[in-house]
Amino acid sequence: MNEHLPPGVAKYLWSSDLTQIDLKENRERIILNVLNLGDRLASDWLLRYYPRDVITKTIIRHGSGELSPKSLNYWSFLLEINKQEISKRRLAK
């Protein structure tokens, strides 16, 4: 892995082996943990590092099962994601 998680982001991945985490391969886990648990510093980094469409697709694909209702509502509103699309994706699995 060439790039490392900033310490302000790494603390939200306490269940992961940070020596093995890859910012591309593990991006969904990183995105979901930061959106659900992260502070302003971590979410600002996330929004700068990952393209908005990658974050949006991750929320649509996994948000209803991985994010708290409060986090899901907040990020859906902020990123202008239709919450009905999230439900459809989850039911289609």
PDB file of N, CA and C in Angstrom:
ATOM      1  N   MET A   1       0.847  -1.165   0.000  1.00  0.00           N
ATOM      2  CA  MET A   1       0.000   0.000   0.000  1.00  0.00           C
ATOM      3  C   MET A   1       0.896   1.233   0.000  1.00  0.00           C
ATOM      4  N   ASN A   2       0.697   2.120  -0.940  1.00  0.00           N
ATOM      5  CA  ASN A   2       1.497   3.330  -1.036  1.00  0.00           C
ATOM      6  C   ASN A   2       0.982   4.436  -0.141  1.00  0.00           C
ATOM      7  N   GLU A   3      -0.303   4.529  -0.013  1.00  0.00           N
ATOM      8  CA  GLU A   3      -0.901   5.613   0.744  1.00  0.00           C
ATOM      9  C   GLU A   3      -1.395   5.089   2.084  1.00  0.00           C
ATOM     10  N   HIS A   4      -1.374   5.970   3.072  1.00  0.00           N
ATOM     11  CA  HIS A   4      -1.810   5.594   4.409  1.00  0.00           C
ATOM     12  C   HIS A   4      -2.993   6.448   4.828  1.00  0.00           C
ATOM     13  N   LEU A   5      -3.782   5.861   5.684  1.00  0.00           N
ATOM     14  CA  LEU A   5      -4.886   6.623   6.261  1.00  0.00           C
ATOM     15  C   LEU A   5      -4.332   7.659   7.223  1.00  0.00           C
ATOM     16  N   PRO A   6      -4.868   8.856   7.191  1.00  0.00           N
ATOM     17  CA  PRO A   6      -4.478   9.837   8.205  1.00  0.00           C
ATOM     18  C   PRO A   6      -4.891   9.318   9.589  1.00  0.00           C
ATOM     19  N   PRO A   7      -4.140   9.649  10.629  1.00  0.00           N
ATOM     20  CA  PRO A   7      -4.498   9.176  11.978  1.00  0.00           C
ATOM     21  C   PRO A   7      -5.929   9.551  12.378  1.00  0.00           C
ATOM     22  N   GLY A   8      -6.401  10.710  11.930  1.00  0.00           N
ATOM     23  CA  GLY A   8      -7.753  11.136  12.261  1.00  0.00           C
ATOM     24  C   GLY A   8      -8.828  10.295  11.600  1.00  0.00           C
ATOM     25  N   VAL A   9      -8.451   9.511  10.598  1.00  0.00           N
ATOM     26  CA  VAL A   9      -9.384   8.606   9.918  1.00  0.00           C
ATOM     27  C   VAL A   9      -9.167   7.182  10.413  1.00  0.00           C
ATOM     28  N   ALA A  10      -7.927   6.820  10.613  1.00  0.00           N
ATOM     29  CA  ALA A  10      -7.583   5.458  11.026  1.00  0.00           C
ATOM     30  C   ALA A  10      -8.282   5.038  12.315  1.00  0.00           C
ATOM     31  N   LYS A  11      -8.513   5.988  13.209  1.00  0.00           N
ATOM     32  CA  LYS A  11      -9.141   5.637  14.492  1.00  0.00           C
ATOM     33  C   LYS A  11     -10.566   5.119  14.336  1.00  0.00           C
ATOM     34  N   TYR A  12     -11.174   5.359  13.186  1.00  0.00           N
ATOM     35  CA  TYR A  12     -12.529   4.864  12.952  1.00  0.00           C
ATOM     36  C   TYR A  12     -12.539   3.490  12.297  1.00  0.00           C
ATOM     37  N   LEU A  13     -11.369   2.934  12.099  1.00  0.00           N
ATOM     38  CA  LEU A  13     -11.250   1.589  11.522  1.00  0.00           C
ATOM     39  C   LEU A  13     -10.578   0.668  12.527  1.00  0.00           C
ATOM     40  N   TRP A  14     -10.969   0.785  13.780  1.00  0.00           N
ATOM     41  CA  TRP A  14     -10.359   0.047  14.874  1.00  0.00           C
ATOM     42  C   TRP A  14     -10.473  -1.466  14.704  1.00  0.00           C
ATOM     43  N   SER A  15     -11.442  -1.935  13.939  1.00  0.00           N
ATOM     44  CA  SER A  15     -11.601  -3.379  13.758  1.00  0.00           C
ATOM     45  C   SER A  15     -10.776  -3.918  12.593  1.00  0.00           C
ATOM     46  N   SER A  16     -10.051  -3.042  11.903  1.00  0.00           N
ATOM     47  CA  SER A  16      -9.252  -3.449  10.741  1.00  0.00           C
ATOM     48  C   SER A  16      -7.773  -3.459  11.077  1.00  0.00           C
ATOM     49  N   ASP A  17      -7.037  -4.315  10.403  1.00  0.00           N
ATOM     50  CA  ASP A  17      -5.580  -4.320  10.520  1.00  0.00           C
ATOM     51  C   ASP A  17      -5.056  -3.188   9.642  1.00  0.00           C
ATOM     52  N   LEU A  18      -4.659  -2.105  10.253  1.00  0.00           N
ATOM     53  CA  LEU A  18      -4.265  -0.913   9.504  1.00  0.00           C
ATOM     54  C   LEU A  18      -2.988  -1.116   8.695  1.00  0.00           C
ATOM     55  N   THR A  19      -2.200  -2.140   9.020  1.00  0.00           N
ATOM     56  CA  THR A  19      -1.004  -2.412   8.217  1.00  0.00           C
ATOM     57  C   THR A  19      -1.370  -3.082   6.901  1.00  0.00           C
ATOM     58  N   GLN A  20      -2.577  -3.631   6.837  1.00  0.00           N
ATOM     59  CA  GLN A  20      -3.026  -4.348   5.641  1.00  0.00           C
ATOM     60  C   GLN A  20      -4.098  -3.614   4.847  1.00  0.00           C
ATOM     61  N   ILE A  21      -4.608  -2.528   5.376  1.00  0.00           N
ATOM     62  CA  ILE A  21      -5.721  -1.849   4.716  1.00  0.00           C
ATOM     63  C   ILE A  21      -5.230  -1.132   3.460  1.00  0.00           C
ATOM     64  N   ASP A  22      -5.999  -1.253   2.411  1.00  0.00           N
ATOM     65  CA  ASP A  22      -5.689  -0.638   1.130  1.00  0.00           C
ATOM     66  C   ASP A  22      -6.796   0.363   0.821  1.00  0.00           C
ATOM     67  N   LEU A  23      -6.408   1.586   0.498  1.00  0.00           N
ATOM     68  CA  LEU A  23      -7.404   2.642   0.310  1.00  0.00           C
ATOM     69  C   LEU A  23      -8.332   2.396  -0.869  1.00  0.00           C
ATOM     70  N   LYS A  24      -7.910   1.587  -1.823  1.00  0.00           N
ATOM     71  CA  LYS A  24      -8.785   1.260  -2.953  1.00  0.00           C
ATOM     72  C   LYS A  24      -9.577  -0.021  -2.670  1.00  0.00           C
ATOM     73  N   GLU A  25      -8.876  -1.060  -2.285  1.00  0.00           N
ATOM     74  CA  GLU A  25      -9.531  -2.356  -2.044  1.00  0.00           C
ATOM     75  C   GLU A  25     -10.538  -2.302  -0.897  1.00  0.00           C
ATOM     76  N   ASN A  26     -10.256  -1.530   0.106  1.00  0.00           N
ATOM     77  CA  ASN A  26     -11.112  -1.456   1.298  1.00  0.00           C
ATOM     78  C   ASN A  26     -11.920  -0.167   1.359  1.00  0.00           C
ATOM     79  N   ARG A  27     -12.126   0.456   0.220  1.00  0.00           N
ATOM     80  CA  ARG A  27     -12.766   1.769   0.222  1.00  0.00           C
ATOM     81  C   ARG A  27     -14.187   1.746   0.760  1.00  0.00           C
ATOM     82  N   GLU A  28     -14.951   0.700   0.496  1.00  0.00           N
ATOM     83  CA  GLU A  28     -16.319   0.670   1.014  1.00  0.00           C
ATOM     84  C   GLU A  28     -16.321   0.629   2.536  1.00  0.00           C
ATOM     85  N   ARG A  29     -15.451  -0.177   3.133  1.00  0.00           N
ATOM     86  CA  ARG A  29     -15.368  -0.242   4.603  1.00  0.00           C
ATOM     87  C   ARG A  29     -14.928   1.103   5.158  1.00  0.00           C
ATOM     88  N   ILE A  30     -13.945   1.727   4.537  1.00  0.00           N
ATOM     89  CA  ILE A  30     -13.459   3.036   4.986  1.00  0.00           C
ATOM     90  C   ILE A  30     -14.583   4.063   4.897  1.00  0.00           C
ATOM     91  N   ILE A  31     -15.246   4.103   3.763  1.00  0.00           N
ATOM     92  CA  ILE A  31     -16.334   5.073   3.553  1.00  0.00           C
ATOM     93  C   ILE A  31     -17.435   4.869   4.579  1.00  0.00           C
ATOM     94  N   LEU A  32     -17.895   3.653   4.751  1.00  0.00           N
ATOM     95  CA  LEU A  32     -19.003   3.383   5.663  1.00  0.00           C
ATOM     96  C   LEU A  32     -18.643   3.706   7.113  1.00  0.00           C
ATOM     97  N   ASN A  33     -17.442   3.336   7.535  1.00  0.00           N
ATOM     98  CA  ASN A  33     -17.046   3.625   8.915  1.00  0.00           C
ATOM     99  C   ASN A  33     -16.943   5.125   9.162  1.00  0.00           C
ATOM    100  N   VAL A  34     -16.356   5.841   8.220  1.00  0.00           N
ATOM    101  CA  VAL A  34     -16.214   7.283   8.410  1.00  0.00           C
ATOM    102  C   VAL A  34     -17.579   7.966   8.372  1.00  0.00           C
ATOM    103  N   LEU A  35     -18.436   7.580   7.443  1.00  0.00           N
ATOM    104  CA  LEU A  35     -19.760   8.204   7.377  1.00  0.00           C
ATOM    105  C   LEU A  35     -20.576   7.916   8.631  1.00  0.00           C
ATOM    106  N   ASN A  36     -20.413   6.754   9.198  1.00  0.00           N
ATOM    107  CA  ASN A  36     -21.200   6.362  10.360  1.00  0.00           C
ATOM    108  C   ASN A  36     -20.613   6.872  11.673  1.00  0.00           C
ATOM    109  N   LEU A  37     -19.292   6.890  11.783  1.00  0.00           N
ATOM    110  CA  LEU A  37     -18.647   7.169  13.061  1.00  0.00           C
ATOM    111  C   LEU A  37     -17.772   8.415  13.072  1.00  0.00           C
ATOM    112  N   GLY A  38     -17.364   8.855  11.890  1.00  0.00           N
ATOM    113  CA  GLY A  38     -16.335   9.877  11.792  1.00  0.00           C
ATOM    114  C   GLY A  38     -16.737  11.269  12.233  1.00  0.00           C
ATOM    115  N   ASP A  39     -15.713  12.035  12.584  1.00  0.00           N
ATOM    116  CA  ASP A  39     -15.912  13.434  12.933  1.00  0.00           C
ATOM    117  C   ASP A  39     -15.721  14.299  11.686  1.00  0.00           C
ATOM    118  N   ARG A  40     -15.747  15.592  11.866  1.00  0.00           N
ATOM    119  CA  ARG A  40     -15.644  16.526  10.732  1.00  0.00           C
ATOM    120  C   ARG A  40     -14.321  16.369   9.981  1.00  0.00           C
ATOM    121  N   LEU A  41     -13.231  16.203  10.702  1.00  0.00           N
ATOM    122  CA  LEU A  41     -11.918  16.036  10.083  1.00  0.00           C
ATOM    123  C   LEU A  41     -11.889  14.796   9.183  1.00  0.00           C
ATOM    124  N   ALA A  42     -12.402  13.697   9.699  1.00  0.00           N
ATOM    125  CA  ALA A  42     -12.410  12.451   8.936  1.00  0.00           C
ATOM    126  C   ALA A  42     -13.341  12.539   7.724  1.00  0.00           C
ATOM    127  N   SER A  43     -14.509  13.116   7.897  1.00  0.00           N
ATOM    128  CA  SER A  43     -15.439  13.212   6.767  1.00  0.00           C
ATOM    129  C   SER A  43     -14.934  14.208   5.720  1.00  0.00           C
ATOM    130  N   ASP A  44     -14.272  15.272   6.148  1.00  0.00           N
ATOM    131  CA  ASP A  44     -13.675  16.196   5.172  1.00  0.00           C
ATOM    132  C   ASP A  44     -12.614  15.488   4.339  1.00  0.00           C
ATOM    133  N   TRP A  45     -11.770  14.680   4.982  1.00  0.00           N
ATOM    134  CA  TRP A  45     -10.752  13.917   4.245  1.00  0.00           C
ATOM    135  C   TRP A  45     -11.435  12.965   3.258  1.00  0.00           C
ATOM    136  N   LEU A  46     -12.456  12.260   3.728  1.00  0.00           N
ATOM    137  CA  LEU A  46     -13.167  11.297   2.894  1.00  0.00           C
ATOM    138  C   LEU A  46     -13.721  11.961   1.635  1.00  0.00           C
ATOM    139  N   LEU A  47     -14.352  13.106   1.814  1.00  0.00           N
ATOM    140  CA  LEU A  47     -14.956  13.815   0.682  1.00  0.00           C
ATOM    141  C   LEU A  47     -13.909  14.380  -0.278  1.00  0.00           C
ATOM    142  N   ARG A  48     -12.713  14.636   0.203  1.00  0.00           N
ATOM    143  CA  ARG A  48     -11.623  15.075  -0.679  1.00  0.00           C
ATOM    144  C   ARG A  48     -10.954  13.889  -1.384  1.00  0.00           C
ATOM    145  N   TYR A  49     -10.833  12.775  -0.677  1.00  0.00           N
ATOM    146  CA  TYR A  49     -10.071  11.641  -1.202  1.00  0.00           C
ATOM    147  C   TYR A  49     -10.861  10.805  -2.210  1.00  0.00           C
ATOM    148  N   TYR A  50     -12.092  10.471  -1.869  1.00  0.00           N
ATOM    149  CA  TYR A  50     -12.894   9.613  -2.753  1.00  0.00           C
ATOM    150  C   TYR A  50     -13.850  10.461  -3.582  1.00  0.00           C
ATOM    151  N   PRO A  51     -14.013  10.103  -4.857  1.00  0.00           N
ATOM    152  CA  PRO A  51     -14.981  10.838  -5.692  1.00  0.00           C
ATOM    153  C   PRO A  51     -16.392  10.698  -5.120  1.00  0.00           C
ATOM    154  N   ARG A  52     -17.153  11.744  -5.291  1.00  0.00           N
ATOM    155  CA  ARG A  52     -18.529  11.772  -4.772  1.00  0.00           C
ATOM    156  C   ARG A  52     -19.349  10.582  -5.278  1.00  0.00           C
ATOM    157  N   ASP A  53     -19.172  10.207  -6.537  1.00  0.00           N
ATOM    158  CA  ASP A  53     -19.967   9.096  -7.063  1.00  0.00           C
ATOM    159  C   ASP A  53     -19.614   7.772  -6.385  1.00  0.00           C
ATOM    160  N   VAL A  54     -18.385   7.593  -5.964  1.00  0.00           N
ATOM    161  CA  VAL A  54     -17.989   6.373  -5.251  1.00  0.00           C
ATOM    162  C   VAL A  54     -18.662   6.348  -3.881  1.00  0.00           C
ATOM    163  N   ILE A  55     -18.671   7.467  -3.197  1.00  0.00           N
ATOM    164  CA  ILE A  55     -19.322   7.557  -1.889  1.00  0.00           C
ATOM    165  C   ILE A  55     -20.826   7.324  -2.038  1.00  0.00           C
ATOM    166  N   THR A  56     -21.426   7.956  -3.024  1.00  0.00           N
ATOM    167  CA  THR A  56     -22.860   7.810  -3.265  1.00  0.00           C
ATOM    168  C   THR A  56     -23.221   6.361  -3.574  1.00  0.00           C
ATOM    169  N   LYS A  57     -22.466   5.719  -4.447  1.00  0.00           N
ATOM    170  CA  LYS A  57     -22.741   4.310  -4.788  1.00  0.00           C
ATOM    171  C   LYS A  57     -22.600   3.403  -3.578  1.00  0.00           C
ATOM    172  N   THR A  58     -21.636   3.702  -2.724  1.00  0.00           N
ATOM    173  CA  THR A  58     -21.450   2.902  -1.510  1.00  0.00           C
ATOM    174  C   THR A  58     -22.654   3.057  -0.588  1.00  0.00           C
ATOM    175  N   ILE A  59     -23.157   4.270  -0.442  1.00  0.00           N
ATOM    176  CA  ILE A  59     -24.344   4.493   0.387  1.00  0.00           C
ATOM    177  C   ILE A  59     -25.548   3.781  -0.207  1.00  0.00           C
ATOM    178  N   ILE A  60     -25.734   3.872  -1.502  1.00  0.00           N
ATOM    179  CA  ILE A  60     -26.869   3.215  -2.155  1.00  0.00           C
ATOM    180  C   ILE A  60     -26.776   1.701  -1.987  1.00  0.00           C
ATOM    181  N   ARG A  61     -25.584   1.160  -2.151  1.00  0.00           N
ATOM    182  CA  ARG A  61     -25.383  -0.291  -2.105  1.00  0.00           C
ATOM    183  C   ARG A  61     -25.461  -0.850  -0.681  1.00  0.00           C
ATOM    184  N   HIS A  62     -24.889  -0.136   0.293  1.00  0.00           N
ATOM    185  CA  HIS A  62     -24.746  -0.720   1.629  1.00  0.00           C
ATOM    186  C   HIS A  62     -25.304   0.123   2.765  1.00  0.00           C
ATOM    187  N   GLY A  63     -25.707   1.335   2.476  1.00  0.00           N
ATOM    188  CA  GLY A  63     -26.072   2.268   3.539  1.00  0.00           C
ATOM    189  C   GLY A  63     -27.175   1.819   4.454  1.00  0.00           C
ATOM    190  N   SER A  64     -28.226   1.229   3.912  1.00  0.00           N
ATOM    191  CA  SER A  64     -29.362   0.879   4.762  1.00  0.00           C
ATOM    192  C   SER A  64     -29.019  -0.243   5.733  1.00  0.00           C
ATOM    193  N   GLY A  65     -28.040  -1.053   5.426  1.00  0.00           N
ATOM    194  CA  GLY A  65     -27.646  -2.127   6.338  1.00  0.00           C
ATOM    195  C   GLY A  65     -26.457  -1.783   7.202  1.00  0.00           C
ATOM    196  N   GLU A  66     -25.704  -0.761   6.826  1.00  0.00           N
ATOM    197  CA  GLU A  66     -24.453  -0.453   7.514  1.00  0.00           C
ATOM    198  C   GLU A  66     -24.465   0.860   8.291  1.00  0.00           C
ATOM    199  N   LEU A  67     -25.235   1.813   7.841  1.00  0.00           N
ATOM    200  CA  LEU A  67     -25.243   3.119   8.501  1.00  0.00           C
ATOM    201  C   LEU A  67     -26.399   3.212   9.488  1.00  0.00           C
ATOM    202  N   SER A  68     -26.187   3.933  10.558  1.00  0.00           N
ATOM    203  CA  SER A  68     -27.287   4.169  11.492  1.00  0.00           C
ATOM    204  C   SER A  68     -28.351   4.977  10.759  1.00  0.00           C
ATOM    205  N   PRO A  69     -29.601   4.895  11.173  1.00  0.00           N
ATOM    206  CA  PRO A  69     -30.641   5.691  10.508  1.00  0.00           C
ATOM    207  C   PRO A  69     -30.304   7.189  10.486  1.00  0.00           C
ATOM    208  N   LYS A  70     -29.732   7.687  11.565  1.00  0.00           N
ATOM    209  CA  LYS A  70     -29.367   9.100  11.648  1.00  0.00           C
ATOM    210  C   LYS A  70     -28.280   9.443  10.615  1.00  0.00           C
ATOM    211  N   SER A  71     -27.243   8.612  10.521  1.00  0.00           N
ATOM    212  CA  SER A  71     -26.172   8.841   9.548  1.00  0.00           C
ATOM    213  C   SER A  71     -26.688   8.700   8.125  1.00  0.00           C
ATOM    214  N   LEU A  72     -27.510   7.691   7.895  1.00  0.00           N
ATOM    215  CA  LEU A  72     -28.071   7.483   6.565  1.00  0.00           C
ATOM    216  C   LEU A  72     -28.905   8.689   6.131  1.00  0.00           C
ATOM    217  N   ASN A  73     -29.710   9.199   7.012  1.00  0.00           N
ATOM    218  CA  ASN A  73     -30.539  10.358   6.709  1.00  0.00           C
ATOM    219  C   ASN A  73     -29.663  11.583   6.417  1.00  0.00           C
ATOM    220  N   TYR A  74     -28.665  11.821   7.251  1.00  0.00           N
ATOM    221  CA  TYR A  74     -27.787  12.977   7.089  1.00  0.00           C
ATOM    222  C   TYR A  74     -27.041  12.935   5.760  1.00  0.00           C
ATOM    223  N   TRP A  75     -26.375  11.820   5.481  1.00  0.00           N
ATOM    224  CA  TRP A  75     -25.565  11.735   4.259  1.00  0.00           C
ATOM    225  C   TRP A  75     -26.429  11.679   3.005  1.00  0.00           C
ATOM    226  N   SER A  76     -27.593  11.060   3.095  1.00  0.00           N
ATOM    227  CA  SER A  76     -28.516  11.055   1.951  1.00  0.00           C
ATOM    228  C   SER A  76     -28.947  12.473   1.610  1.00  0.00           C
ATOM    229  N   PHE A  77     -29.249  13.254   2.641  1.00  0.00           N
ATOM    230  CA  PHE A  77     -29.638  14.649   2.434  1.00  0.00           C
ATOM    231  C   PHE A  77     -28.460  15.459   1.886  1.00  0.00           C
ATOM    232  N   LEU A  78     -27.305  15.335   2.518  1.00  0.00           N
ATOM    233  CA  LEU A  78     -26.147  16.120   2.127  1.00  0.00           C
ATOM    234  C   LEU A  78     -25.692  15.819   0.692  1.00  0.00           C
ATOM    235  N   LEU A  79     -25.726  14.549   0.318  1.00  0.00           N
ATOM    236  CA  LEU A  79     -25.253  14.141  -1.009  1.00  0.00           C
ATOM    237  C   LEU A  79     -26.392  14.034  -2.025  1.00  0.00           C
ATOM    238  N   GLU A  80     -27.589  14.432  -1.606  1.00  0.00           N
ATOM    239  CA  GLU A  80     -28.766  14.445  -2.481  1.00  0.00           C
ATOM    240  C   GLU A  80     -29.057  13.076  -3.084  1.00  0.00           C
ATOM    241  N   ILE A  81     -29.097  12.077  -2.211  1.00  0.00           N
ATOM    242  CA  ILE A  81     -29.407  10.713  -2.623  1.00  0.00           C
ATOM    243  C   ILE A  81     -30.875  10.454  -2.315  1.00  0.00           C
ATOM    244  N   ASN A  82     -31.598   9.962  -3.294  1.00  0.00           N
ATOM    245  CA  ASN A  82     -32.995   9.602  -3.101  1.00  0.00           C
ATOM    246  C   ASN A  82     -33.045   8.357  -2.204  1.00  0.00           C
ATOM    247  N   LYS A  83     -33.622   8.488  -1.034  1.00  0.00           N
ATOM    248  CA  LYS A  83     -33.652   7.361  -0.101  1.00  0.00           C
ATOM    249  C   LYS A  83     -34.443   6.170  -0.642  1.00  0.00           C
ATOM    250  N   GLN A  84     -35.355   6.409  -1.552  1.00  0.00           N
ATOM    251  CA  GLN A  84     -36.072   5.301  -2.173  1.00  0.00           C
ATOM    252  C   GLN A  84     -35.123   4.441  -3.003  1.00  0.00           C
ATOM    253  N   GLU A  85     -34.120   5.043  -3.592  1.00  0.00           N
ATOM    254  CA  GLU A  85     -33.127   4.287  -4.360  1.00  0.00           C
ATOM    255  C   GLU A  85     -32.339   3.361  -3.437  1.00  0.00           C
ATOM    256  N   ILE A  86     -32.062   3.799  -2.246  1.00  0.00           N
ATOM    257  CA  ILE A  86     -31.341   2.968  -1.267  1.00  0.00           C
ATOM    258  C   ILE A  86     -32.182   1.755  -0.915  1.00  0.00           C
ATOM    259  N   SER A  87     -33.455   1.982  -0.651  1.00  0.00           N
ATOM    260  CA  SER A  87     -34.340   0.868  -0.311  1.00  0.00           C
ATOM    261  C   SER A  87     -34.465  -0.119  -1.463  1.00  0.00           C
ATOM    262  N   LYS A  88     -34.597   0.378  -2.680  1.00  0.00           N
ATOM    263  CA  LYS A  88     -34.722  -0.506  -3.843  1.00  0.00           C
ATOM    264  C   LYS A  88     -33.493  -1.383  -3.982  1.00  0.00           C
ATOM    265  N   ARG A  89     -32.332  -0.810  -3.824  1.00  0.00           N
ATOM    266  CA  ARG A  89     -31.091  -1.582  -3.960  1.00  0.00           C
ATOM    267  C   ARG A  89     -30.994  -2.660  -2.891  1.00  0.00           C
ATOM    268  N   ARG A  90     -31.396  -2.330  -1.698  1.00  0.00           N
ATOM    269  CA  ARG A  90     -31.310  -3.305  -0.619  1.00  0.00           C
ATOM    270  C   ARG A  90     -32.284  -4.460  -0.857  1.00  0.00           C
ATOM    271  N   LEU A  91     -33.480  -4.143  -1.303  1.00  0.00           N
ATOM    272  CA  LEU A  91     -34.469  -5.183  -1.562  1.00  0.00           C
ATOM    273  C   LEU A  91     -34.108  -6.037  -2.761  1.00  0.00           C
ATOM    274  N   ALA A  92     -33.316  -5.503  -3.678  1.00  0.00           N
ATOM    275  CA  ALA A  92     -32.964  -6.233  -4.891  1.00  0.00           C
ATOM    276  C   ALA A  92     -31.880  -7.281  -4.647  1.00  0.00           C
ATOM    277  N   LYS A  93     -31.237  -7.271  -3.488  1.00  0.00           N
ATOM    278  CA  LYS A  93     -30.148  -8.222  -3.214  1.00  0.00           C
ATOM    279  C   LYS A  93     -30.608  -9.636  -3.207  1.00  0.00           C
TER     280      LYS A  93
END
